[in-house]
Amino acid sequence: MPRSFLAISIPDNIKNIICDQVVVPLYKHYATKLIKWTKKENLHITLVFLGNITDQQYQQLNKKIQENMSLFNSFTINLTTFEAFPSEKKFHAIILKPQPLTPIQNLANFLKKAAETCEIKTDNRSFKPHLTLGKVNDKDKIDFETFVKTKTSAMHFEVTEIKLFESVLDSSGSIYTPIATYKLGES
């Protein structure tokens, strides 16, 4: 199975706000040589990066997730805060930080443990939930205050499911294809 990851999908209406009110205006300040903007269809919040997994690992993980997703209630995410990732001094990406963090972190922690019980190696870095707007190529030419001052419409949505995506790299960039959808419990 190709590279894969578990993530929260962003609804189309939120993707439209992000692109129309954030990316398009900021694109005027920062050409693609300074920031490689995330394609609209690829916007998501990664919960766990799985890498290349075998069919057997997928089957085991799929079963474990299906058996446990109803334990996690649906919840609302707000996307309002721009941040430099991983920090303002040493950043390589511009992100939107979701709030509240706790339900996202609880979900990510469960998924990471589930993957590890299926002998899937996961990232050991601490998890920081985020939606990547773009990757920064030259941070010295970026005025982060421009992002902080950007005003947008309220961006909130109900998370009722997570998805397993496969990631295939081609000449135009990454293509993310959903492989499985897992419904959360009712809130």
Foldseek 3Di string as FASTA:
>chain_A
DAWKFKWFDADPVLLVQCVPQPVVVVCVVPPCVFWVFDDSRPWTKTLWGQGDDDPQLVVQLVVVLQVPQQVQAKDKKWFDAWAFPPHLVDGFFIWTAIPPPVSSNVVSVVSCVSSVVSVGDTDPDDDGITTTGTTGDDSVSDDCVVNRPRDTDIRMDIGFKMFMWHWDQDPVGIDTDTDDIHGHHHD
